[in-house]
Structure formats: structure tokens, C-alpha cells
Protein backbone atom coordinates (compact mmCIF):
# COMPACT_ATOMS: atom_id res chain seq x y z
CA MET A 1 24.25 2.67 12.88
CA MET A 2 25.77 1.07 9.78
CA ARG A 3 25.12 -2.38 11.23
CA LYS A 4 21.42 -1.51 11.64
CA SER A 5 21.27 -0.32 8.04
CA VAL A 6 22.95 -3.42 6.60
CA LEU A 7 21.24 -6.07 8.76
CA PRO A 8 17.79 -6.00 7.06
CA TRP A 9 19.41 -6.67 3.67
CA LEU A 10 21.44 -9.73 4.70
CA VAL A 11 18.63 -12.23 4.06
CA PRO A 12 17.74 -10.85 0.58
CA ILE A 13 21.46 -10.85 -0.37
CA PHE A 14 21.83 -14.42 0.90
CA ILE A 15 18.80 -15.51 -1.15
CA LEU A 16 20.29 -13.90 -4.28
CA ILE A 17 23.63 -15.67 -3.77
CA VAL A 18 21.97 -19.08 -3.26
CA TRP A 19 19.68 -18.41 -6.25
CA GLN A 20 22.68 -17.59 -8.47
CA LEU A 21 24.58 -20.68 -7.29
CA PHE A 22 21.64 -22.98 -8.01
CA SER A 23 21.18 -21.40 -11.45
CA SER A 24 24.89 -21.63 -12.30
CA SER A 25 24.95 -25.32 -11.35
CA HIS A 26 21.83 -25.91 -13.52
CA VAL A 27 19.80 -27.17 -10.57
CA LEU A 28 17.19 -24.60 -11.63
CA SER A 29 15.99 -24.45 -15.23
CA GLU A 30 17.03 -21.16 -16.84
CA GLY A 31 13.81 -21.12 -18.86
CA LEU A 32 11.56 -21.50 -15.84
CA PHE A 33 13.65 -19.76 -13.21
CA PRO A 34 16.28 -17.47 -14.73
CA SER A 35 19.37 -16.54 -12.74
CA PRO A 36 19.73 -13.16 -10.99
CA LEU A 37 22.22 -12.12 -13.70
CA SER A 38 19.63 -12.86 -16.42
CA VAL A 39 17.02 -10.91 -14.50
CA LEU A 40 19.48 -8.03 -14.10
CA LYS A 41 20.16 -8.09 -17.85
CA ALA A 42 16.40 -7.97 -18.57
CA LEU A 43 16.05 -5.09 -16.13
CA TRP A 44 18.85 -3.17 -17.84
CA GLU A 45 17.23 -3.68 -21.25
CA LEU A 46 13.88 -2.40 -19.95
CA ILE A 47 15.61 0.64 -18.47
CA THR A 48 17.65 1.49 -21.55
CA ASN A 49 14.77 1.15 -24.01
CA GLY A 50 12.53 3.30 -21.79
CA ALA A 51 9.82 0.65 -21.36
CA LEU A 52 10.22 0.37 -17.59
CA ALA A 53 10.02 4.13 -17.02
CA LEU A 54 6.85 4.37 -19.14
CA HIS A 55 5.03 1.50 -17.43
CA LEU A 56 6.26 2.56 -13.99
CA GLN A 57 5.00 6.09 -14.46
CA ILE A 58 1.52 4.86 -15.41
CA SER A 59 1.34 2.36 -12.52
CA LEU A 60 2.46 5.02 -10.03
CA ALA A 61 -0.23 7.41 -11.30
CA ARG A 62 -2.91 4.74 -10.81
CA ALA A 63 -1.62 3.79 -7.37
CA LEU A 64 -1.32 7.34 -6.06
CA SER A 65 -4.71 8.37 -7.45
CA GLY A 66 -6.36 5.40 -5.75
CA LEU A 67 -4.43 6.05 -2.54
CA LEU A 68 -5.53 9.69 -2.44
CA ILE A 69 -9.20 8.95 -3.13
CA GLY A 70 -9.55 5.81 -1.02
CA GLY A 71 -7.38 7.11 1.81
CA LEU A 72 -9.37 10.33 2.07
CA ILE A 73 -12.72 8.51 2.07
CA GLY A 74 -11.52 6.00 4.66
CA PHE A 75 -10.07 8.75 6.84
CA VAL A 76 -13.27 10.83 6.77
CA LEU A 77 -15.52 7.83 7.42
CA GLY A 78 -13.27 6.68 10.26
CA ILE A 79 -13.45 10.09 11.93
CA ILE A 80 -17.22 10.43 11.47
CA ASN A 81 -17.99 6.90 12.71
CA GLY A 82 -15.49 7.23 15.54
CA TRP A 83 -16.93 10.57 16.63
CA SER A 84 -20.65 9.80 16.23
CA ALA A 85 -22.29 6.71 17.73
CA LEU A 86 -25.32 7.22 15.46
CA SER A 87 -23.15 7.29 12.32
CA PHE A 88 -21.26 4.21 13.51
CA ARG A 89 -24.48 2.21 13.98
CA LEU A 90 -25.80 3.42 10.64
CA LEU A 91 -22.74 2.89 8.41
CA ASP A 92 -20.22 0.49 9.97
CA THR A 93 -22.06 -2.76 9.20
CA THR A 94 -22.41 -1.83 5.52
CA ILE A 95 -18.73 -0.86 5.29
CA GLN A 96 -17.64 -4.12 6.90
CA MET A 97 -19.80 -6.16 4.50
CA ILE A 98 -18.24 -4.42 1.49
CA ARG A 99 -14.76 -4.87 2.99
CA ASN A 100 -15.12 -8.65 2.95
CA ILE A 101 -15.94 -8.87 -0.76
CA PRO A 102 -12.83 -10.10 -2.67
CA HIS A 103 -11.59 -7.77 -5.40
CA PHE A 104 -11.64 -10.54 -7.98
CA ALA A 105 -15.36 -11.03 -7.31
CA LEU A 106 -15.94 -7.35 -8.08
CA LEU A 107 -13.97 -7.31 -11.34
CA PRO A 108 -16.82 -8.30 -13.71
CA LEU A 109 -19.20 -5.78 -12.15
CA VAL A 110 -16.60 -3.00 -12.13
CA ILE A 111 -15.89 -3.60 -15.83
CA VAL A 112 -19.62 -3.42 -16.62
CA TRP A 113 -19.96 -0.21 -14.60
CA LEU A 114 -16.77 1.60 -15.56
CA GLY A 115 -15.49 -0.10 -18.71
CA ILE A 116 -11.83 -1.09 -19.20
CA GLY A 117 -10.14 2.31 -19.05
CA GLU A 118 -8.36 3.93 -16.12
CA ALA A 119 -11.47 4.37 -13.97
CA PRO A 120 -11.89 0.70 -12.86
CA LYS A 121 -8.21 0.41 -11.99
CA VAL A 122 -8.23 3.53 -9.81
CA PHE A 123 -11.58 2.47 -8.32
CA LEU A 124 -10.24 -0.93 -7.21
CA VAL A 125 -7.10 0.60 -5.71
CA ALA A 126 -9.19 3.22 -3.87
CA LEU A 127 -11.51 0.52 -2.56
CA GLY A 128 -8.62 -1.59 -1.31
CA VAL A 129 -6.89 1.36 0.36
CA MET A 130 -10.04 2.72 2.00
CA PHE A 131 -10.63 -0.09 4.48
CA PRO A 132 -7.26 -0.23 6.33
CA VAL A 133 -7.35 3.56 6.72
CA TYR A 134 -10.98 3.46 7.86
CA ILE A 135 -10.55 0.68 10.41
CA ASN A 136 -7.44 2.12 12.02
CA THR A 137 -8.77 5.69 12.05
CA LEU A 138 -11.98 4.43 13.65
CA HIS A 139 -9.98 2.44 16.21
CA GLY A 140 -7.79 5.43 17.02
CA ILE A 141 -10.71 7.85 17.51
CA ARG A 142 -12.81 5.43 19.59
CA ASN A 143 -9.90 4.53 21.87
CA VAL A 144 -8.79 8.01 22.89
CA ASN A 145 -8.10 8.15 26.63
CA ARG A 146 -11.27 9.39 28.34
CA GLU A 147 -9.21 11.24 30.95
CA HIS A 148 -7.57 13.29 28.18
CA ILE A 149 -10.99 14.15 26.77
CA GLU A 150 -12.30 15.24 30.16
CA MET A 151 -9.17 17.30 30.77
CA GLY A 152 -9.62 19.00 27.41
CA LYS A 153 -13.21 19.86 28.28
CA MET A 154 -12.07 21.28 31.61
CA TYR A 155 -9.83 23.66 29.66
CA GLY A 156 -12.79 24.76 27.60
CA LEU A 157 -12.13 22.72 24.45
CA ARG A 158 -15.26 21.92 22.45
CA GLY A 159 -16.13 20.68 18.97
CA PHE A 160 -13.37 21.10 16.42
CA GLN A 161 -10.85 22.36 18.99
CA LEU A 162 -11.40 19.24 21.09
CA PHE A 163 -10.88 17.09 18.00
CA LYS A 164 -7.78 19.05 16.92
CA GLN A 165 -6.09 19.14 20.34
CA ILE A 166 -7.12 15.78 21.84
CA TYR A 167 -8.75 13.29 19.47
CA PHE A 168 -6.57 13.67 16.39
CA PRO A 169 -3.13 13.63 18.09
CA SER A 170 -4.16 10.64 20.22
CA ALA A 171 -5.45 8.73 17.19
CA LEU A 172 -2.49 9.58 14.96
CA PRO A 173 -0.35 6.48 15.79
CA SER A 174 -3.27 4.21 14.86
CA ILE A 175 -3.96 6.25 11.70
CA PHE A 176 -0.35 5.82 10.58
CA VAL A 177 -0.59 2.06 11.13
CA GLY A 178 -3.60 2.02 8.83
CA PHE A 179 -1.81 4.18 6.27
CA ARG A 180 1.25 1.93 6.19
CA TYR A 181 -0.93 -1.15 5.86
CA ALA A 182 -2.91 0.58 3.11
CA LEU A 183 0.28 1.14 1.12
CA GLY A 184 0.84 -2.63 0.97
CA VAL A 185 -2.77 -3.22 -0.04
CA MET A 186 -2.40 -0.51 -2.67
CA TRP A 187 0.26 -2.46 -4.58
CA LEU A 188 -1.60 -5.77 -4.20
CA THR A 189 -4.79 -4.21 -5.54
CA LEU A 190 -2.90 -2.52 -8.36
CA ILE A 191 -1.67 -5.92 -9.55
CA VAL A 192 -5.28 -7.16 -9.64
CA SER A 193 -6.52 -4.01 -11.37
CA GLU A 194 -3.83 -4.20 -14.05
CA THR A 195 -5.09 -7.62 -15.13
CA ILE A 196 -8.05 -5.75 -16.67
CA ALA A 197 -7.58 -5.29 -20.42
CA THR A 198 -4.81 -2.72 -20.66
CA SER A 199 -1.79 -1.84 -22.74
CA ASN A 200 0.44 -0.26 -20.09
CA GLY A 201 1.56 -0.51 -16.49
CA ILE A 202 3.84 -2.92 -14.61
CA GLY A 203 1.02 -5.48 -14.42
CA TYR A 204 0.65 -5.34 -18.19
CA LEU A 205 4.41 -5.79 -18.55
CA ALA A 206 4.21 -9.02 -16.54
CA MET A 207 1.10 -10.31 -18.33
CA ASN A 208 2.61 -9.57 -21.75
CA ALA A 209 5.85 -11.32 -20.75
CA ARG A 210 3.86 -14.38 -19.68
CA GLN A 211 2.47 -14.79 -23.19
CA PHE A 212 6.01 -14.96 -24.59
CA MET A 213 7.37 -17.05 -21.67
CA GLN A 214 9.78 -14.24 -20.69
CA THR A 215 10.20 -15.35 -17.10
CA ASP A 216 13.06 -12.90 -16.55
CA VAL A 217 10.74 -9.96 -17.35
CA ILE A 218 8.03 -11.44 -15.10
CA ILE A 219 10.51 -11.60 -12.21
CA VAL A 220 11.62 -8.02 -12.95
CA SER A 221 7.98 -6.93 -12.66
CA ILE A 222 7.60 -8.75 -9.34
CA LEU A 223 10.81 -7.19 -8.01
CA VAL A 224 9.66 -3.71 -9.10
CA TYR A 225 6.44 -4.17 -7.14
CA ALA A 226 8.43 -5.34 -4.12
CA LEU A 227 10.84 -2.40 -4.30
CA LEU A 228 7.99 0.09 -4.74
CA GLY A 229 6.26 -1.37 -1.69
CA LYS A 230 9.45 -1.14 0.37
CA ALA A 231 10.13 2.42 -0.78
CA ALA A 232 6.56 3.48 0.07
CA ASP A 233 6.85 1.92 3.53
CA ILE A 234 10.16 3.69 4.19
CA ILE A 235 8.65 7.05 3.20
CA ALA A 236 5.60 6.41 5.39
CA HIS A 237 7.85 5.40 8.30
CA ILE A 238 9.89 8.61 7.98
CA GLY A 239 6.68 10.66 7.90
CA GLU A 240 5.39 8.78 10.93
CA ARG A 241 8.57 9.42 12.91
CA TYR A 242 8.46 13.11 11.99
CA ALA A 243 4.75 13.62 12.74
CA LEU A 244 4.96 11.72 16.04
CA LYS A 245 8.29 12.99 17.32
CA TRP A 246 6.40 14.42 20.32
CA HIS A 247 5.13 10.93 21.25
CA PRO A 248 7.10 9.24 24.09
CA ASN A 249 7.23 5.85 22.34
CA TYR A 250 8.74 7.35 19.19
CA GLN A 251 11.24 9.36 21.25
CA LYS A 252 12.42 6.08 22.76
CA GLN A 253 12.82 4.57 19.29
CA GLY A 254 14.88 7.56 18.20
């Protein structure tokens, strides 16, 4: 068990050791690529002066707000379009067209519509999160085993009961895949959204550090994003294992 816990961290630890060795031997410029110890010192300063906690709190609020809004919209649309052939034909093409528009292309329009406050940042995160949840929910609902559906109908299940007992449990593994993918997109979109004129957030911390050539602070910001993404994925994985403990494939993994 301990070996399984340590194994995923061997490569990151190896990279840190090599990085420190190259920095100590001056192969890497300290100004352009500071050593891990310098980055750690910058991290400690940001923690002790309270700056990291402040910016982290604001970024988390933006990310979670966008995740809740976008995830809920994607989930509902995925269920409706998966359940109804008419809704699928009516809405799916439009959703797919919007999905393929890059976020950077939307930035000028979003700023014109919503200004430069919190609204455009949450909007972009919600938009980015919506599509992975939608696609995987749609896939899960449309690929439910037809034999299970017919068996449910034989037992008198109709409407919401059929969805609750057959469709939703069968689609749940696919929905969780979409949710976990959406968590990664959430942080990527947050980085884009925090390039909009702002005075707080982890993205602002990195952009402000760039102006003063504080590469150690920039790397701290990148590492914070990476750790947040990893933490979110671990939480989602635990929730997935718990919600799907009845599923044979997840019992085998356990």
C-alpha cells in the first residue's frame, strides 16, 4: 500500500532534485529559472504575509462558482438531450458549435457584455466546465444498455422512476469521467479568466510578478494551480469510488 502511495511522486521528486542540481551548478540562470529552494522561499514569504491565502481564496471562489453553474447546466442539458431525440436534434449542433470557440476569442465580447468584474471570470469558467460534463452525461444516457431498460419497463418502471433506477446509475461512470475532466478545464479556464483586468487571484499574482520579473513567484503560482488541480482530482476520485462502490469494475479496483 505504501509503495502505491509513494510511486506516483517519484518522478516529481526526481525532477526537483535534477532541477536543484542544475541550479546549484549554475547551468540554469537563477534570474530566469530560480532553484526549487528559491521558489520555496518565495512560497514561504507569500504564506507568511497572507498574500497567498487571500489570492487563493478568491480564485477558489471563482472556480467553484463556475463549476457549480457550468456543471449544473451541462448535466441538465446532457440528460435532456440524452433522453429526448427531439431535444438532441434541436440543441446539440448549437452546443457543439459553441464548444469549439476558443476562450481567448470570446474574451473581448465577454468584457463588452459583462465588464471586468467577477461576472466574466465566472462566466468563462462555467462555459469551460459545461462542455465536458454535457458530452459525457449525454454519452452515458444514450449508451445505457437497452436490455436493462426493457427489464426496468417489465418491472413497471416509467418516467422518473425509470431514469432514477436504470438510466442514471448506468450513466454515472461516464458522468464522473466528464466531471473529472471538467475539473482540469476549470483551472485552465480560470487562468485565462484571471488575465482580465483584476487586482486579485492566483492569475493576478502571476501577472503582477511578471511585470517585476519575479520568476520565483510566477513558478509558485504555476505550482499552486498544479496542486489545486491534483487535489481536486483526488477528491473527485474518492467521490467516484464511493458513489460507484456497487459497480463491479470499481469493486475490482478496490
